[in-house]
C-alpha atoms as a PDB file:
ATOM      1  CA  MET A   1      28.937  36.742 -44.932  1.00  0.00           C
ATOM      2  CA  ASP A   2      25.833  35.703 -43.041  1.00  0.00           C
ATOM      3  CA  PRO A   3      26.751  33.829 -39.822  1.00  0.00           C
ATOM      4  CA  HIS A   4      23.828  31.469 -40.437  1.00  0.00           C
ATOM      5  CA  HIS A   5      25.276  30.499 -43.806  1.00  0.00           C
ATOM      6  CA  LEU A   6      28.669  29.931 -42.190  1.00  0.00           C
ATOM      7  CA  ARG A   7      27.030  27.653 -39.635  1.00  0.00           C
ATOM      8  CA  LEU A   8      25.419  25.618 -42.421  1.00  0.00           C
ATOM      9  CA  LEU A   9      28.823  25.221 -44.086  1.00  0.00           C
ATOM     10  CA  ARG A  10      30.349  24.082 -40.797  1.00  0.00           C
ATOM     11  CA  GLU A  11      27.499  21.634 -40.220  1.00  0.00           C
ATOM     12  CA  LEU A  12      27.933  20.191 -43.717  1.00  0.00           C
ATOM     13  CA  GLY A  13      31.618  19.583 -43.027  1.00  0.00           C
ATOM     14  CA  GLU A  14      30.892  17.861 -39.709  1.00  0.00           C
ATOM     15  CA  ARG A  15      27.701  15.972 -40.573  1.00  0.00           C
ATOM     16  CA  GLY A  16      28.682  14.885 -44.071  1.00  0.00           C
ATOM     17  CA  SER A  17      25.478  15.416 -46.045  1.00  0.00           C
ATOM     18  CA  VAL A  18      22.873  18.043 -46.882  1.00  0.00           C
ATOM     19  CA  ALA A  19      20.153  15.716 -45.556  1.00  0.00           C
ATOM     20  CA  ALA A  20      21.903  15.389 -42.172  1.00  0.00           C
ATOM     21  CA  VAL A  21      22.295  19.174 -41.924  1.00  0.00           C
ATOM     22  CA  ALA A  22      18.615  19.666 -42.785  1.00  0.00           C
ATOM     23  CA  ARG A  23      17.529  17.253 -40.051  1.00  0.00           C
ATOM     24  CA  ALA A  24      19.757  18.912 -37.461  1.00  0.00           C
ATOM     25  CA  MET A  25      18.662  22.448 -38.383  1.00  0.00           C
ATOM     26  CA  HIS A  26      14.968  21.534 -38.811  1.00  0.00           C
ATOM     27  CA  ILE A  27      14.790  22.915 -42.351  1.00  0.00           C
ATOM     28  CA  THR A  28      14.397  21.302 -45.754  1.00  0.00           C
ATOM     29  CA  PRO A  29      17.368  20.025 -47.808  1.00  0.00           C
ATOM     30  CA  SER A  30      16.452  22.494 -50.561  1.00  0.00           C
ATOM     31  CA  ALA A  31      16.676  25.369 -48.055  1.00  0.00           C
ATOM     32  CA  VAL A  32      20.141  24.179 -47.042  1.00  0.00           C
ATOM     33  CA  SER A  33      21.242  24.049 -50.683  1.00  0.00           C
ATOM     34  CA  GLN A  34      19.814  27.504 -51.430  1.00  0.00           C
ATOM     35  CA  GLN A  35      21.566  29.112 -48.481  1.00  0.00           C
ATOM     36  CA  LEU A  36      24.862  27.412 -49.331  1.00  0.00           C
ATOM     37  CA  ASN A  37      24.494  28.754 -52.870  1.00  0.00           C
ATOM     38  CA  THR A  38      24.004  32.248 -51.425  1.00  0.00           C
ATOM     39  CA  LEU A  39      27.207  31.834 -49.426  1.00  0.00           C
ATOM     40  CA  GLN A  40      29.009  30.557 -52.515  1.00  0.00           C
ATOM     41  CA  ARG A  41      28.222  33.800 -54.353  1.00  0.00           C
ATOM     42  CA  THR A  42      30.286  35.696 -51.780  1.00  0.00           C
ATOM     43  CA  ALA A  43      33.389  33.528 -52.351  1.00  0.00           C
ATOM     44  CA  ARG A  44      35.893  33.687 -55.189  1.00  0.00           C
ATOM     45  CA  VAL A  45      36.501  29.934 -55.293  1.00  0.00           C
ATOM     46  CA  PRO A  46      34.207  26.885 -54.936  1.00  0.00           C
ATOM     47  CA  LEU A  47      33.359  25.996 -51.347  1.00  0.00           C
ATOM     48  CA  THR A  48      31.643  22.681 -52.147  1.00  0.00           C
ATOM     49  CA  GLU A  49      31.851  19.990 -54.802  1.00  0.00           C
ATOM     50  CA  ARG A  50      29.986  16.854 -55.790  1.00  0.00           C
ATOM     51  CA  ARG A  51      31.579  13.560 -54.826  1.00  0.00           C
ATOM     52  CA  GLY A  52      29.267  10.891 -56.194  1.00  0.00           C
ATOM     53  CA  ARG A  53      25.839  11.754 -54.850  1.00  0.00           C
ATOM     54  CA  ARG A  54      27.201  13.681 -51.866  1.00  0.00           C
ATOM     55  CA  LEU A  55      28.010  17.366 -51.534  1.00  0.00           C
ATOM     56  CA  VAL A  56      31.351  17.806 -49.737  1.00  0.00           C
ATOM     57  CA  LEU A  57      33.582  20.737 -48.826  1.00  0.00           C
ATOM     58  CA  THR A  58      36.525  21.751 -50.974  1.00  0.00           C
ATOM     59  CA  GLY A  59      39.806  22.821 -49.409  1.00  0.00           C
ATOM     60  CA  ALA A  60      38.577  26.419 -49.394  1.00  0.00           C
ATOM     61  CA  GLY A  61      35.290  25.277 -47.878  1.00  0.00           C
ATOM     62  CA  ARG A  62      37.078  23.435 -45.084  1.00  0.00           C
ATOM     63  CA  ALA A  63      39.178  26.518 -44.354  1.00  0.00           C
ATOM     64  CA  LEU A  64      36.077  28.702 -44.169  1.00  0.00           C
ATOM     65  CA  ALA A  65      34.267  26.128 -42.011  1.00  0.00           C
ATOM     66  CA  ALA A  66      37.205  26.156 -39.582  1.00  0.00           C
ATOM     67  CA  ALA A  67      37.032  29.952 -39.465  1.00  0.00           C
ATOM     68  CA  ALA A  68      33.307  29.658 -38.804  1.00  0.00           C
ATOM     69  CA  VAL A  69      34.137  28.031 -35.455  1.00  0.00           C
ATOM     70  CA  ASP A  70      35.834  31.268 -34.376  1.00  0.00           C
ATOM     71  CA  VAL A  71      32.884  33.275 -35.685  1.00  0.00           C
ATOM     72  CA  MET A  72      30.360  31.155 -33.740  1.00  0.00           C
ATOM     73  CA  THR A  73      32.491  31.395 -30.603  1.00  0.00           C
ATOM     74  CA  ALA A  74      32.814  35.171 -30.927  1.00  0.00           C
ATOM     75  CA  LEU A  75      29.093  35.602 -31.534  1.00  0.00           C
ATOM     76  CA  ASP A  76      28.256  33.417 -28.549  1.00  0.00           C
ATOM     77  CA  ARG A  77      30.688  35.391 -26.364  1.00  0.00           C
ATOM     78  CA  ALA A  78      29.098  38.641 -27.521  1.00  0.00           C
ATOM     79  CA  ALA A  79      25.594  37.343 -26.800  1.00  0.00           C
ATOM     80  CA  ARG A  80      26.689  36.480 -23.262  1.00  0.00           C
ATOM     81  CA  ALA A  81      28.737  39.630 -22.628  1.00  0.00           C
ATOM     82  CA  VAL A  82      26.417  40.705 -19.805  1.00  0.00           C
ATOM     83  CA  GLY A  83      27.870  37.840 -17.756  1.00  0.00           C
ATOM     84  CA  ASP A  84      27.330  34.335 -16.582  1.00  0.00           C
ATOM     85  CA  HIS A  85      24.558  35.430 -14.220  1.00  0.00           C
ATOM     86  CA  LEU A  86      22.273  35.638 -17.260  1.00  0.00           C
ATOM     87  CA  ASP A  87      22.646  31.874 -17.658  1.00  0.00           C
ATOM     88  CA  ALA A  88      19.681  30.048 -16.217  1.00  0.00           C
ATOM     89  CA  PRO A  89      21.016  27.944 -13.318  1.00  0.00           C
ATOM     90  CA  ASP A  90      18.615  25.147 -14.194  1.00  0.00           C
ATOM     91  CA  ASP A  91      19.495  25.086 -17.896  1.00  0.00           C
ATOM     92  CA  PRO A  92      19.874  21.354 -18.747  1.00  0.00           C
ATOM     93  CA  VAL A  93      23.226  20.094 -20.048  1.00  0.00           C
ATOM     94  CA  ARG A  94      23.255  17.214 -22.536  1.00  0.00           C
ATOM     95  CA  VAL A  95      26.006  14.661 -21.812  1.00  0.00           C
ATOM     96  CA  ALA A  96      26.908  11.611 -23.901  1.00  0.00           C
ATOM     97  CA  ALA A  97      29.399   8.896 -22.985  1.00  0.00           C
ATOM     98  CA  PHE A  98      30.499   5.490 -24.199  1.00  0.00           C
ATOM     99  CA  HIS A  99      29.067   2.580 -22.219  1.00  0.00           C
ATOM    100  CA  SER A 100      31.656   1.936 -19.512  1.00  0.00           C
ATOM    101  CA  ALA A 101      32.098   5.659 -18.805  1.00  0.00           C
ATOM    102  CA  GLY A 102      28.333   6.073 -18.529  1.00  0.00           C
ATOM    103  CA  LEU A 103      28.104   3.092 -16.203  1.00  0.00           C
ATOM    104  CA  THR A 104      30.867   4.507 -13.999  1.00  0.00           C
ATOM    105  CA  TRP A 105      30.113   8.236 -13.996  1.00  0.00           C
ATOM    106  CA  PHE A 106      26.493   8.986 -14.925  1.00  0.00           C
ATOM    107  CA  ALA A 107      24.968   8.095 -11.543  1.00  0.00           C
ATOM    108  CA  PRO A 108      27.634   9.934  -9.476  1.00  0.00           C
ATOM    109  CA  LEU A 109      27.343  12.951 -11.774  1.00  0.00           C
ATOM    110  CA  ILE A 110      23.567  13.169 -11.386  1.00  0.00           C
ATOM    111  CA  THR A 111      23.784  12.650  -7.618  1.00  0.00           C
ATOM    112  CA  ARG A 112      26.570  15.159  -6.982  1.00  0.00           C
ATOM    113  CA  LEU A 113      24.996  17.885  -9.116  1.00  0.00           C
ATOM    114  CA  ALA A 114      21.736  17.431  -7.191  1.00  0.00           C
ATOM    115  CA  GLU A 115      23.621  17.716  -3.897  1.00  0.00           C
ATOM    116  CA  ILE A 116      25.349  20.974  -4.855  1.00  0.00           C
ATOM    117  CA  GLY A 117      22.362  22.521  -6.620  1.00  0.00           C
ATOM    118  CA  GLY A 118      24.044  22.234  -9.994  1.00  0.00           C
ATOM    119  CA  PRO A 119      22.341  22.168 -13.391  1.00  0.00           C
ATOM    120  CA  PRO A 120      20.285  19.131 -14.401  1.00  0.00           C
ATOM    121  CA  VAL A 121      21.902  16.779 -16.908  1.00  0.00           C
ATOM    122  CA  ARG A 122      20.358  14.769 -19.708  1.00  0.00           C
ATOM    123  CA  CYS A 123      22.514  11.653 -20.136  1.00  0.00           C
ATOM    124  CA  ALA A 124      22.772   9.325 -23.139  1.00  0.00           C
ATOM    125  CA  ASP A 125      25.048   6.395 -23.944  1.00  0.00           C
ATOM    126  CA  GLU A 126      26.630   6.371 -27.395  1.00  0.00           C
ATOM    127  CA  ASP A 127      28.407   3.260 -28.668  1.00  0.00           C
ATOM    128  CA  VAL A 128      30.318   4.557 -31.693  1.00  0.00           C
ATOM    129  CA  ALA A 129      33.600   3.928 -33.469  1.00  0.00           C
ATOM    130  CA  HIS A 130      36.605   6.098 -32.603  1.00  0.00           C
ATOM    131  CA  ALA A 131      36.248   8.271 -35.709  1.00  0.00           C
ATOM    132  CA  ASP A 132      32.588   9.045 -34.964  1.00  0.00           C
ATOM    133  CA  PHE A 133      32.995  10.622 -31.514  1.00  0.00           C
ATOM    134  CA  PRO A 134      33.775  14.184 -32.768  1.00  0.00           C
ATOM    135  CA  ALA A 135      30.527  14.359 -34.725  1.00  0.00           C
ATOM    136  CA  LEU A 136      28.517  13.806 -31.534  1.00  0.00           C
ATOM    137  CA  VAL A 137      29.323  17.328 -30.287  1.00  0.00           C
ATOM    138  CA  GLY A 138      26.703  18.567 -32.742  1.00  0.00           C
ATOM    139  CA  ASP A 139      24.013  16.779 -30.719  1.00  0.00           C
ATOM    140  CA  TYR A 140      25.370  17.015 -27.145  1.00  0.00           C
ATOM    141  CA  ASP A 141      26.945  19.747 -25.030  1.00  0.00           C
ATOM    142  CA  LEU A 142      29.595  17.343 -23.690  1.00  0.00           C
ATOM    143  CA  VAL A 143      30.817  14.024 -25.104  1.00  0.00           C
ATOM    144  CA  VAL A 144      32.928  11.652 -23.007  1.00  0.00           C
ATOM    145  CA  ALA A 145      35.080   9.829 -25.565  1.00  0.00           C
ATOM    146  CA  HIS A 146      38.021   7.436 -25.508  1.00  0.00           C
ATOM    147  CA  ARG A 147      40.965   6.735 -27.752  1.00  0.00           C
ATOM    148  CA  LEU A 148      44.104   4.607 -27.523  1.00  0.00           C
ATOM    149  CA  ALA A 149      47.363   6.265 -26.516  1.00  0.00           C
ATOM    150  CA  TYR A 150      48.740   5.927 -30.062  1.00  0.00           C
ATOM    151  CA  SER A 151      45.497   6.737 -31.912  1.00  0.00           C
ATOM    152  CA  PRO A 152      45.250   9.978 -33.925  1.00  0.00           C
ATOM    153  CA  PRO A 153      44.434  12.978 -31.701  1.00  0.00           C
ATOM    154  CA  TRP A 154      40.994  14.527 -31.721  1.00  0.00           C
ATOM    155  CA  PRO A 155      40.491  17.333 -34.310  1.00  0.00           C
ATOM    156  CA  ALA A 156      41.409  20.273 -32.061  1.00  0.00           C
ATOM    157  CA  ASP A 157      40.749  22.769 -34.875  1.00  0.00           C
ATOM    158  CA  ARG A 158      36.990  22.374 -34.325  1.00  0.00           C
ATOM    159  CA  LEU A 159      36.752  20.870 -30.838  1.00  0.00           C
ATOM    160  CA  THR A 160      37.820  21.691 -27.326  1.00  0.00           C
ATOM    161  CA  VAL A 161      39.378  18.612 -25.704  1.00  0.00           C
ATOM    162  CA  ILE A 162      39.394  18.346 -21.892  1.00  0.00           C
ATOM    163  CA  PRO A 163      41.429  15.373 -20.595  1.00  0.00           C
ATOM    164  CA  LEU A 164      39.826  13.302 -17.845  1.00  0.00           C
ATOM    165  CA  ILE A 165      42.060  10.287 -17.184  1.00  0.00           C
ATOM    166  CA  GLU A 166      44.529   7.929 -18.805  1.00  0.00           C
ATOM    167  CA  GLU A 167      43.217   4.465 -18.045  1.00  0.00           C
ATOM    168  CA  PRO A 168      45.270   1.247 -18.200  1.00  0.00           C
ATOM    169  CA  LEU A 169      43.892  -1.714 -20.141  1.00  0.00           C
ATOM    170  CA  TYR A 170      44.358  -5.209 -18.752  1.00  0.00           C
ATOM    171  CA  VAL A 171      43.965  -8.730 -20.084  1.00  0.00           C
ATOM    172  CA  ALA A 172      40.947 -10.216 -18.327  1.00  0.00           C
ATOM    173  CA  MET A 173      40.513 -13.935 -17.709  1.00  0.00           C
ATOM    174  CA  SER A 174      38.508 -16.130 -15.388  1.00  0.00           C
ATOM    175  CA  ALA A 175      39.909 -16.324 -11.856  1.00  0.00           C
ATOM    176  CA  ASP A 176      40.742 -20.022 -12.309  1.00  0.00           C
ATOM    177  CA  HIS A 177      42.326 -19.593 -15.754  1.00  0.00           C
ATOM    178  CA  PRO A 178      45.847 -21.116 -16.082  1.00  0.00           C
ATOM    179  CA  LEU A 179      47.290 -17.673 -16.859  1.00  0.00           C
ATOM    180  CA  ALA A 180      45.772 -16.123 -13.727  1.00  0.00           C
ATOM    181  CA  ALA A 181      48.796 -17.302 -11.733  1.00  0.00           C
ATOM    182  CA  ARG A 182      51.026 -14.940 -13.741  1.00  0.00           C
ATOM    183  CA  GLU A 183      51.670 -11.371 -12.558  1.00  0.00           C
ATOM    184  CA  SER A 184      51.771 -10.139 -16.169  1.00  0.00           C
ATOM    185  CA  LEU A 185      51.453 -11.614 -19.663  1.00  0.00           C
ATOM    186  CA  THR A 186      53.595 -11.497 -22.775  1.00  0.00           C
ATOM    187  CA  ALA A 187      52.049 -11.025 -26.197  1.00  0.00           C
ATOM    188  CA  ALA A 188      53.070 -14.586 -27.116  1.00  0.00           C
ATOM    189  CA  GLU A 189      51.210 -16.019 -24.118  1.00  0.00           C
ATOM    190  CA  ALA A 190      48.121 -13.953 -24.793  1.00  0.00           C
ATOM    191  CA  ALA A 191      48.098 -14.790 -28.510  1.00  0.00           C
ATOM    192  CA  ARG A 192      47.883 -18.523 -27.846  1.00  0.00           C
ATOM    193  CA  ARG A 193      44.430 -18.151 -26.257  1.00  0.00           C
ATOM    194  CA  PRO A 194      41.008 -17.396 -27.804  1.00  0.00           C
ATOM    195  CA  TRP A 195      39.687 -13.843 -27.417  1.00  0.00           C
ATOM    196  CA  VAL A 196      36.641 -11.668 -27.069  1.00  0.00           C
ATOM    197  CA  SER A 197      37.170  -8.598 -29.274  1.00  0.00           C
ATOM    198  CA  VAL A 198      35.295  -5.357 -29.779  1.00  0.00           C
ATOM    199  CA  HIS A 199      33.728  -4.774 -33.184  1.00  0.00           C
ATOM    200  CA  GLU A 200      35.910  -3.519 -36.028  1.00  0.00           C
ATOM    201  CA  GLY A 201      36.716   0.193 -35.890  1.00  0.00           C
ATOM    202  CA  TYR A 202      36.261   0.532 -32.128  1.00  0.00           C
ATOM    203  CA  PRO A 203      39.150   1.890 -30.048  1.00  0.00           C
ATOM    204  CA  LEU A 204      40.376  -1.239 -28.230  1.00  0.00           C
ATOM    205  CA  GLU A 205      40.832  -3.146 -31.474  1.00  0.00           C
ATOM    206  CA  GLY A 206      44.215  -1.455 -31.945  1.00  0.00           C
ATOM    207  CA  VAL A 207      45.658  -3.096 -28.822  1.00  0.00           C
ATOM    208  CA  LEU A 208      44.585  -6.536 -30.054  1.00  0.00           C
ATOM    209  CA  ALA A 209      46.296  -5.803 -33.369  1.00  0.00           C
ATOM    210  CA  ALA A 210      49.461  -4.871 -31.444  1.00  0.00           C
ATOM    211  CA  ILE A 211      49.347  -8.147 -29.504  1.00  0.00           C
ATOM    212  CA  ALA A 212      49.025 -10.132 -32.738  1.00  0.00           C
ATOM    213  CA  ALA A 213      51.831  -8.180 -34.430  1.00  0.00           C
ATOM    214  CA  THR A 214      54.182  -8.581 -31.457  1.00  0.00           C
ATOM    215  CA  ALA A 215      53.419 -12.291 -31.156  1.00  0.00           C
ATOM    216  CA  GLY A 216      53.755 -12.817 -34.901  1.00  0.00           C
ATOM    217  CA  ARG A 217      50.460 -14.667 -35.191  1.00  0.00           C
ATOM    218  CA  PRO A 218      46.794 -13.692 -35.647  1.00  0.00           C
ATOM    219  CA  LEU A 219      44.482 -13.865 -32.669  1.00  0.00           C
ATOM    220  CA  GLU A 220      41.619 -16.336 -32.585  1.00  0.00           C
ATOM    221  CA  ILE A 221      38.585 -14.066 -32.194  1.00  0.00           C
ATOM    222  CA  ARG A 222      35.642 -16.120 -30.961  1.00  0.00           C
ATOM    223  CA  HIS A 223      33.266 -13.344 -29.989  1.00  0.00           C
ATOM    224  CA  ARG A 224      32.807  -9.650 -30.807  1.00  0.00           C
ATOM    225  CA  ILE A 225      31.206  -7.774 -27.906  1.00  0.00           C
ATOM    226  CA  ASN A 226      31.437  -4.035 -27.306  1.00  0.00           C
ATOM    227  CA  GLU A 227      29.725  -3.884 -23.917  1.00  0.00           C
ATOM    228  CA  PHE A 228      32.347  -4.584 -21.235  1.00  0.00           C
ATOM    229  CA  THR A 229      29.887  -6.018 -18.708  1.00  0.00           C
ATOM    230  CA  VAL A 230      28.732  -8.576 -21.284  1.00  0.00           C
ATOM    231  CA  ALA A 231      32.322  -9.364 -22.272  1.00  0.00           C
ATOM    232  CA  ALA A 232      33.263  -9.785 -18.600  1.00  0.00           C
ATOM    233  CA  SER A 233      30.475 -12.312 -18.053  1.00  0.00           C
ATOM    234  CA  VAL A 234      31.622 -14.334 -21.080  1.00  0.00           C
ATOM    235  CA  VAL A 235      35.234 -14.239 -19.882  1.00  0.00           C
ATOM    236  CA  ALA A 236      34.264 -15.319 -16.372  1.00  0.00           C
ATOM    237  CA  ALA A 237      32.388 -18.337 -17.728  1.00  0.00           C
ATOM    238  CA  GLY A 238      35.061 -19.780 -20.027  1.00  0.00           C
ATOM    239  CA  GLU A 239      38.571 -19.910 -21.433  1.00  0.00           C
ATOM    240  CA  VAL A 240      38.507 -16.729 -23.520  1.00  0.00           C
ATOM    241  CA  LEU A 241      40.490 -13.564 -22.812  1.00  0.00           C
ATOM    242  CA  ALA A 242      39.403  -9.960 -23.292  1.00  0.00           C
ATOM    243  CA  LEU A 243      40.746  -6.453 -22.772  1.00  0.00           C
ATOM    244  CA  LEU A 244      39.059  -4.610 -19.926  1.00  0.00           C
ATOM    245  CA  PRO A 245      39.751  -1.094 -18.589  1.00  0.00           C
ATOM    246  CA  GLY A 246      41.356  -0.817 -15.180  1.00  0.00           C
ATOM    247  CA  ARG A 247      39.297   2.028 -13.699  1.00  0.00           C
ATOM    248  CA  THR A 248      35.854   1.787 -15.279  1.00  0.00           C
ATOM    249  CA  THR A 249      35.394  -1.986 -14.951  1.00  0.00           C
ATOM    250  CA  THR A 250      33.096  -3.086 -12.139  1.00  0.00           C
ATOM    251  CA  PRO A 251      35.104  -5.278  -9.711  1.00  0.00           C
ATOM    252  CA  ASP A 252      34.228  -8.946 -10.179  1.00  0.00           C
ATOM    253  CA  PRO A 253      35.727 -11.740  -8.038  1.00  0.00           C
ATOM    254  CA  ARG A 254      35.226 -14.135 -10.955  1.00  0.00           C
ATOM    255  CA  LEU A 255      37.833 -12.232 -12.994  1.00  0.00           C
ATOM    256  CA  ALA A 256      41.593 -11.788 -12.891  1.00  0.00           C
ATOM    257  CA  LEU A 257      43.125  -8.731 -14.606  1.00  0.00           C
ATOM    258  CA  ARG A 258      46.770  -8.829 -15.704  1.00  0.00           C
ATOM    259  CA  PRO A 259      48.939  -6.198 -17.458  1.00  0.00           C
ATOM    260  CA  LEU A 260      50.688  -6.831 -20.775  1.00  0.00           C
ATOM    261  CA  ASP A 261      54.479  -6.781 -20.972  1.00  0.00           C
ATOM    262  CA  GLY A 262      56.059  -4.562 -23.618  1.00  0.00           C
ATOM    263  CA  ILE A 263      52.855  -3.232 -25.196  1.00  0.00           C
ATOM    264  CA  PRO A 264      51.478   0.241 -24.308  1.00  0.00           C
ATOM    265  CA  ALA A 265      47.938  -0.726 -23.347  1.00  0.00           C
ATOM    266  CA  ALA A 266      46.058   2.354 -22.184  1.00  0.00           C
ATOM    267  CA  ARG A 267      43.362   4.686 -23.379  1.00  0.00           C
ATOM    268  CA  HIS A 268      42.777   8.394 -22.973  1.00  0.00           C
ATOM    269  CA  ILE A 269      39.316   9.384 -21.750  1.00  0.00           C
ATOM    270  CA  ASP A 270      38.491  12.970 -22.712  1.00  0.00           C
ATOM    271  CA  ILE A 271      35.564  15.361 -22.787  1.00  0.00           C
ATOM    272  CA  LEU A 272      34.861  16.710 -26.273  1.00  0.00           C
ATOM    273  CA  THR A 273      32.806  19.856 -26.782  1.00  0.00           C
ATOM    274  CA  ARG A 274      32.310  22.696 -29.188  1.00  0.00           C
ATOM    275  CA  PRO A 275      34.316  25.745 -28.013  1.00  0.00           C
ATOM    276  CA  GLU A 276      31.288  27.978 -27.661  1.00  0.00           C
ATOM    277  CA  SER A 277      29.553  25.515 -25.319  1.00  0.00           C
ATOM    278  CA  LEU A 278      32.033  26.348 -22.565  1.00  0.00           C
ATOM    279  CA  HIS A 279      30.731  29.927 -22.421  1.00  0.00           C
ATOM    280  CA  ARG A 280      27.713  28.508 -20.568  1.00  0.00           C
ATOM    281  CA  ALA A 281      28.207  28.435 -16.817  1.00  0.00           C
ATOM    282  CA  ALA A 282      26.032  25.300 -16.560  1.00  0.00           C
ATOM    283  CA  VAL A 283      28.285  23.404 -18.969  1.00  0.00           C
ATOM    284  CA  ARG A 284      31.421  24.478 -17.107  1.00  0.00           C
ATOM    285  CA  LYS A 285      29.897  23.294 -13.810  1.00  0.00           C
ATOM    286  CA  VAL A 286      29.210  19.855 -15.302  1.00  0.00           C
ATOM    287  CA  VAL A 287      32.773  19.681 -16.653  1.00  0.00           C
ATOM    288  CA  GLU A 288      34.151  20.642 -13.239  1.00  0.00           C
ATOM    289  CA  THR A 289      32.032  17.965 -11.552  1.00  0.00           C
ATOM    290  CA  LEU A 290      32.984  15.273 -14.065  1.00  0.00           C
ATOM    291  CA  ARG A 291      36.680  16.013 -13.542  1.00  0.00           C
ATOM    292  CA  ALA A 292      36.280  15.806  -9.781  1.00  0.00           C
ATOM    293  CA  ILE A 293      34.497  12.449 -10.024  1.00  0.00           C
ATOM    294  CA  ALA A 294      37.077  11.055 -12.468  1.00  0.00           C
ATOM    295  CA  ALA A 295      39.918  12.160 -10.195  1.00  0.00           C
END
């Protein structure tokens, strides 16, 4: 089997369409289809199938795509067998992060790497739903992602997951809010107030669902705002509540943050990367620096 064909199969599984693979690989969709057909001729069972207008992997295709990860890692290791000194020390590393992580860590990361003579980084913020974080590793060397403590784990069969921190989530309110006098809040107390929520499908939505379920009543969602700094300004100006992270929220004297009683409100912040990316010394240096800053 041609490793290039295996990579195309892997990319199809992760990107979801022939068109997306073609854009990422800078070739035409017909070239992608032709090379997948060549790979198919080497297999005894179908690797892809039509589902509506989309070409998707079969069970055998998914198994081969998973094996392709090991092949790509082995080939990368072989290409770098001479040693890490062959890595260019100024080879840029592409880093993506969700908004609050970027706000908290991008500037310190750039500054510290410059101080120690580390590799340059190319930073980008990515505001995506929980399920869409793994796909970003196709476009970035490192992806700082977050998920709730009880959310499904990241797909470790095709990613390397490096934990950064477990961050508590607090109920935020204006400093003069009636609930600000409390040391902590019950779900029933929180559910009686209007809320700022994230958009549907984004990680913190699960905690709001848990509050509503525990209180036995739906929450009144007045606003849907993903950016925490915007949500914080709305909370500070009125009666609404919102969930804000405890370690990546900029301190604001206009706000009071209170924990929830009886509801596990925390999120895991992790670095996601393709396994072969960690064979680059520059990428490992950025990971090491990110972990030091987060700690």
